[in-house]
Amino acid sequence: MPKKSGVKITCPSCNKSITLDEVLTQQIEEKIKKEFESELKESEKKFSEEIKKAKSALAEKEKQMETLEENLNEKLKSEFEKQKKKLEEIRLQLRER
């Protein structure tokens, strides 16, 4: 570890002798850490909101898909019944001949 040089000061709390460089470095590190944590929280909040929106959109699309599937099933069922009736009518006509 490199030798610390510079002006030495005494900590008023613990009476430990430290260099002014250490104090400034620590203060800068703390400031940067707080800024980073603040940005991180903001990013997490933003992404959380985006995830909620995406989940909501997905749920809406799933609901639309279910509705479309139900409509398609009803149409298929209706068409099947029509074709079944036509087939029965044709069978009756063929029997009558």
N, C-alpha and C. Protein backbone atom coordinates (compact mmCIF):
# COMPACT_ATOMS: atom_id res chain seq x y z
N MET A 1 0.85 -1.17 0.00
CA MET A 1 0.00 0.00 0.00
C MET A 1 0.90 1.24 0.00
N PRO A 2 0.57 2.22 -0.88
CA PRO A 2 1.43 3.40 -0.93
C PRO A 2 1.36 4.20 0.36
N LYS A 3 2.46 4.85 0.64
CA LYS A 3 2.54 5.68 1.85
C LYS A 3 1.65 6.90 1.68
N LYS A 4 0.86 7.18 2.71
CA LYS A 4 -0.02 8.34 2.70
C LYS A 4 0.80 9.58 3.03
N SER A 5 0.64 10.58 2.22
CA SER A 5 1.35 11.82 2.50
C SER A 5 0.35 12.95 2.49
N GLY A 6 0.75 14.06 2.99
CA GLY A 6 -0.12 15.22 3.00
C GLY A 6 -0.31 15.74 4.40
N VAL A 7 -1.19 16.69 4.50
CA VAL A 7 -1.47 17.34 5.77
C VAL A 7 -2.22 16.38 6.67
N LYS A 8 -1.77 16.27 7.91
CA LYS A 8 -2.43 15.39 8.87
C LYS A 8 -3.33 16.22 9.76
N ILE A 9 -4.49 15.62 10.04
CA ILE A 9 -5.42 16.25 10.98
C ILE A 9 -5.83 15.21 12.00
N THR A 10 -6.41 15.67 13.09
CA THR A 10 -6.84 14.76 14.15
C THR A 10 -8.36 14.73 14.16
N CYS A 11 -8.88 13.52 14.17
CA CYS A 11 -10.34 13.33 14.20
C CYS A 11 -10.86 13.82 15.56
N PRO A 12 -11.87 14.70 15.54
CA PRO A 12 -12.39 15.20 16.81
C PRO A 12 -13.15 14.14 17.61
N SER A 13 -13.60 13.10 16.95
CA SER A 13 -14.37 12.06 17.64
C SER A 13 -13.48 11.03 18.32
N CYS A 14 -12.48 10.55 17.58
CA CYS A 14 -11.66 9.45 18.12
C CYS A 14 -10.20 9.83 18.37
N ASN A 15 -9.83 11.04 18.05
CA ASN A 15 -8.47 11.54 18.21
C ASN A 15 -7.44 10.79 17.36
N LYS A 16 -7.89 10.12 16.32
CA LYS A 16 -6.98 9.41 15.43
C LYS A 16 -6.40 10.41 14.44
N SER A 17 -5.13 10.26 14.15
CA SER A 17 -4.47 11.14 13.20
C SER A 17 -4.65 10.56 11.79
N ILE A 18 -5.20 11.36 10.90
CA ILE A 18 -5.41 10.93 9.52
C ILE A 18 -4.96 12.05 8.59
N THR A 19 -4.70 11.66 7.32
CA THR A 19 -4.29 12.68 6.36
C THR A 19 -5.52 13.35 5.77
N LEU A 20 -5.33 14.57 5.35
CA LEU A 20 -6.41 15.33 4.75
C LEU A 20 -6.90 14.64 3.47
N ASP A 21 -5.96 14.00 2.75
CA ASP A 21 -6.33 13.26 1.54
C ASP A 21 -7.34 12.16 1.85
N GLU A 22 -7.14 11.47 2.95
CA GLU A 22 -8.06 10.40 3.35
C GLU A 22 -9.46 10.96 3.61
N VAL A 23 -9.50 12.08 4.29
CA VAL A 23 -10.79 12.70 4.61
C VAL A 23 -11.52 13.10 3.34
N LEU A 24 -10.79 13.77 2.45
CA LEU A 24 -11.41 14.22 1.20
C LEU A 24 -11.85 13.04 0.34
N THR A 25 -10.99 12.02 0.28
CA THR A 25 -11.34 10.83 -0.49
C THR A 25 -12.59 10.19 0.07
N GLN A 26 -12.67 10.07 1.37
CA GLN A 26 -13.84 9.47 2.00
C GLN A 26 -15.09 10.30 1.71
N GLN A 27 -14.98 11.61 1.80
CA GLN A 27 -16.14 12.47 1.53
C GLN A 27 -16.60 12.35 0.09
N ILE A 28 -15.64 12.33 -0.83
CA ILE A 28 -15.98 12.18 -2.25
C ILE A 28 -16.63 10.83 -2.51
N GLU A 29 -16.06 9.77 -1.91
CA GLU A 29 -16.63 8.43 -2.07
C GLU A 29 -18.05 8.38 -1.54
N GLU A 30 -18.29 8.98 -0.39
CA GLU A 30 -19.64 8.99 0.19
C GLU A 30 -20.62 9.74 -0.70
N LYS A 31 -20.17 10.87 -1.23
CA LYS A 31 -21.03 11.67 -2.12
C LYS A 31 -21.38 10.87 -3.36
N ILE A 32 -20.37 10.25 -3.97
CA ILE A 32 -20.60 9.46 -5.18
C ILE A 32 -21.52 8.27 -4.87
N LYS A 33 -21.30 7.63 -3.73
CA LYS A 33 -22.13 6.49 -3.34
C LYS A 33 -23.58 6.91 -3.18
N LYS A 34 -23.82 8.05 -2.52
CA LYS A 34 -25.20 8.54 -2.34
C LYS A 34 -25.84 8.86 -3.68
N GLU A 35 -25.08 9.50 -4.57
CA GLU A 35 -25.62 9.81 -5.90
C GLU A 35 -25.96 8.54 -6.67
N PHE A 36 -25.05 7.57 -6.60
CA PHE A 36 -25.27 6.30 -7.28
C PHE A 36 -26.51 5.60 -6.73
N GLU A 37 -26.63 5.55 -5.41
CA GLU A 37 -27.79 4.89 -4.78
C GLU A 37 -29.08 5.60 -5.16
N SER A 38 -29.05 6.93 -5.23
CA SER A 38 -30.22 7.69 -5.62
C SER A 38 -30.61 7.37 -7.07
N GLU A 39 -29.61 7.35 -7.96
CA GLU A 39 -29.87 7.00 -9.35
C GLU A 39 -30.38 5.57 -9.47
N LEU A 40 -29.82 4.69 -8.68
CA LEU A 40 -30.24 3.29 -8.71
C LEU A 40 -31.70 3.16 -8.28
N LYS A 41 -32.08 3.86 -7.20
CA LYS A 41 -33.47 3.82 -6.74
C LYS A 41 -34.40 4.37 -7.81
N GLU A 42 -34.00 5.44 -8.45
CA GLU A 42 -34.82 6.04 -9.50
C GLU A 42 -34.98 5.07 -10.68
N SER A 43 -33.90 4.41 -11.04
CA SER A 43 -33.95 3.43 -12.13
C SER A 43 -34.84 2.26 -11.75
N GLU A 44 -34.71 1.78 -10.52
CA GLU A 44 -35.55 0.67 -10.06
C GLU A 44 -37.02 1.06 -10.10
N LYS A 45 -37.31 2.28 -9.67
CA LYS A 45 -38.69 2.76 -9.68
C LYS A 45 -39.21 2.83 -11.12
N LYS A 46 -38.39 3.37 -12.02
CA LYS A 46 -38.78 3.49 -13.42
C LYS A 46 -39.04 2.10 -14.02
N PHE A 47 -38.11 1.18 -13.80
CA PHE A 47 -38.26 -0.16 -14.37
C PHE A 47 -39.44 -0.90 -13.73
N SER A 48 -39.67 -0.66 -12.46
CA SER A 48 -40.81 -1.27 -11.80
C SER A 48 -42.12 -0.80 -12.43
N GLU A 49 -42.19 0.50 -12.72
CA GLU A 49 -43.39 1.04 -13.37
C GLU A 49 -43.55 0.47 -14.77
N GLU A 50 -42.43 0.33 -15.50
CA GLU A 50 -42.49 -0.24 -16.84
C GLU A 50 -42.93 -1.70 -16.80
N ILE A 51 -42.46 -2.43 -15.80
CA ILE A 51 -42.87 -3.83 -15.65
C ILE A 51 -44.36 -3.91 -15.36
N LYS A 52 -44.86 -3.03 -14.48
CA LYS A 52 -46.30 -3.02 -14.19
C LYS A 52 -47.11 -2.74 -15.44
N LYS A 53 -46.66 -1.77 -16.24
CA LYS A 53 -47.36 -1.44 -17.49
C LYS A 53 -47.34 -2.63 -18.44
N ALA A 54 -46.18 -3.28 -18.55
CA ALA A 54 -46.06 -4.43 -19.45
C ALA A 54 -46.95 -5.58 -18.99
N LYS A 55 -46.98 -5.81 -17.68
CA LYS A 55 -47.85 -6.88 -17.15
C LYS A 55 -49.31 -6.56 -17.40
N SER A 56 -49.68 -5.30 -17.23
CA SER A 56 -51.05 -4.88 -17.47
C SER A 56 -51.41 -5.06 -18.94
N ALA A 57 -50.50 -4.65 -19.83
CA ALA A 57 -50.74 -4.81 -21.27
C ALA A 57 -50.85 -6.28 -21.64
N LEU A 58 -50.00 -7.11 -21.03
CA LEU A 58 -50.04 -8.54 -21.29
C LEU A 58 -51.37 -9.14 -20.82
N ALA A 59 -51.81 -8.74 -19.65
CA ALA A 59 -53.09 -9.24 -19.13
C ALA A 59 -54.24 -8.83 -20.06
N GLU A 60 -54.18 -7.61 -20.57
CA GLU A 60 -55.22 -7.14 -21.49
C GLU A 60 -55.20 -7.94 -22.78
N LYS A 61 -54.01 -8.20 -23.30
CA LYS A 61 -53.89 -9.01 -24.53
C LYS A 61 -54.39 -10.43 -24.30
N GLU A 62 -54.09 -11.00 -23.13
CA GLU A 62 -54.57 -12.34 -22.82
C GLU A 62 -56.10 -12.36 -22.75
N LYS A 63 -56.67 -11.31 -22.18
CA LYS A 63 -58.13 -11.20 -22.10
C LYS A 63 -58.73 -11.10 -23.50
N GLN A 64 -58.08 -10.30 -24.37
CA GLN A 64 -58.55 -10.19 -25.74
C GLN A 64 -58.46 -11.53 -26.46
N MET A 65 -57.36 -12.25 -26.22
CA MET A 65 -57.20 -13.57 -26.85
C MET A 65 -58.29 -14.53 -26.40
N GLU A 66 -58.61 -14.51 -25.11
CA GLU A 66 -59.67 -15.37 -24.60
C GLU A 66 -61.00 -15.03 -25.25
N THR A 67 -61.29 -13.74 -25.39
CA THR A 67 -62.53 -13.31 -26.02
C THR A 67 -62.58 -13.75 -27.47
N LEU A 68 -61.46 -13.57 -28.18
CA LEU A 68 -61.41 -14.01 -29.58
C LEU A 68 -61.59 -15.52 -29.70
N GLU A 69 -60.95 -16.24 -28.79
CA GLU A 69 -61.08 -17.70 -28.81
C GLU A 69 -62.53 -18.13 -28.55
N GLU A 70 -63.17 -17.48 -27.59
CA GLU A 70 -64.57 -17.79 -27.29
C GLU A 70 -65.45 -17.49 -28.50
N ASN A 71 -65.21 -16.33 -29.14
CA ASN A 71 -66.00 -15.97 -30.32
C ASN A 71 -65.78 -16.96 -31.45
N LEU A 72 -64.54 -17.34 -31.66
CA LEU A 72 -64.23 -18.31 -32.71
C LEU A 72 -64.89 -19.66 -32.41
N ASN A 73 -64.83 -20.10 -31.18
CA ASN A 73 -65.47 -21.37 -30.80
C ASN A 73 -66.98 -21.31 -31.04
N GLU A 74 -67.60 -20.18 -30.71
CA GLU A 74 -69.04 -20.03 -30.93
C GLU A 74 -69.36 -20.06 -32.43
N LYS A 75 -68.54 -19.37 -33.23
CA LYS A 75 -68.77 -19.37 -34.68
C LYS A 75 -68.59 -20.77 -35.25
N LEU A 76 -67.55 -21.46 -34.80
CA LEU A 76 -67.31 -22.83 -35.28
C LEU A 76 -68.45 -23.76 -34.88
N LYS A 77 -68.91 -23.60 -33.66
CA LYS A 77 -70.02 -24.43 -33.19
C LYS A 77 -71.28 -24.15 -34.00
N SER A 78 -71.54 -22.88 -34.24
CA SER A 78 -72.71 -22.49 -35.03
C SER A 78 -72.61 -23.04 -36.45
N GLU A 79 -71.44 -22.89 -37.07
CA GLU A 79 -71.23 -23.38 -38.43
C GLU A 79 -71.35 -24.91 -38.47
N PHE A 80 -70.82 -25.56 -37.46
CA PHE A 80 -70.92 -27.02 -37.38
C PHE A 80 -72.39 -27.45 -37.32
N GLU A 81 -73.18 -26.76 -36.51
CA GLU A 81 -74.61 -27.09 -36.39
C GLU A 81 -75.33 -26.85 -37.72
N LYS A 82 -74.99 -25.78 -38.43
CA LYS A 82 -75.61 -25.51 -39.74
C LYS A 82 -75.28 -26.63 -40.72
N GLN A 83 -74.01 -27.01 -40.76
CA GLN A 83 -73.59 -28.07 -41.68
C GLN A 83 -74.21 -29.41 -41.31
N LYS A 84 -74.38 -29.63 -40.03
CA LYS A 84 -75.01 -30.87 -39.55
C LYS A 84 -76.47 -30.92 -40.01
N LYS A 85 -77.16 -29.79 -39.90
CA LYS A 85 -78.55 -29.73 -40.35
C LYS A 85 -78.66 -29.94 -41.84
N LYS A 86 -77.76 -29.33 -42.60
CA LYS A 86 -77.77 -29.51 -44.06
C LYS A 86 -77.55 -30.97 -44.41
N LEU A 87 -76.60 -31.59 -43.72
CA LEU A 87 -76.31 -33.00 -43.97
C LEU A 87 -77.53 -33.87 -43.66
N GLU A 88 -78.23 -33.56 -42.58
CA GLU A 88 -79.45 -34.31 -42.24
C GLU A 88 -80.52 -34.12 -43.30
N GLU A 89 -80.65 -32.89 -43.78
CA GLU A 89 -81.63 -32.62 -44.84
C GLU A 89 -81.30 -33.40 -46.10
N ILE A 90 -80.02 -33.44 -46.45
CA ILE A 90 -79.59 -34.20 -47.64
C ILE A 90 -79.86 -35.68 -47.44
N ARG A 91 -79.60 -36.20 -46.25
CA ARG A 91 -79.87 -37.62 -45.96
C ARG A 91 -81.36 -37.92 -46.10
N LEU A 92 -82.20 -37.03 -45.58
CA LEU A 92 -83.64 -37.22 -45.70
C LEU A 92 -84.08 -37.22 -47.14
N GLN A 93 -83.52 -36.28 -47.90
CA GLN A 93 -83.87 -36.22 -49.33
C GLN A 93 -83.44 -37.49 -50.07
N LEU A 94 -82.28 -37.99 -49.73
CA LEU A 94 -81.80 -39.21 -50.37
C LEU A 94 -82.66 -40.42 -49.99
N ARG A 95 -83.16 -40.47 -48.78
CA ARG A 95 -84.00 -41.58 -48.34
C ARG A 95 -85.37 -41.54 -49.01
N GLU A 96 -85.82 -40.32 -49.27
CA GLU A 96 -87.13 -40.17 -49.90
C GLU A 96 -87.12 -40.58 -51.35
N ARG A 97 -85.99 -40.61 -51.98
CA ARG A 97 -85.89 -40.97 -53.40
C ARG A 97 -86.00 -42.41 -53.60
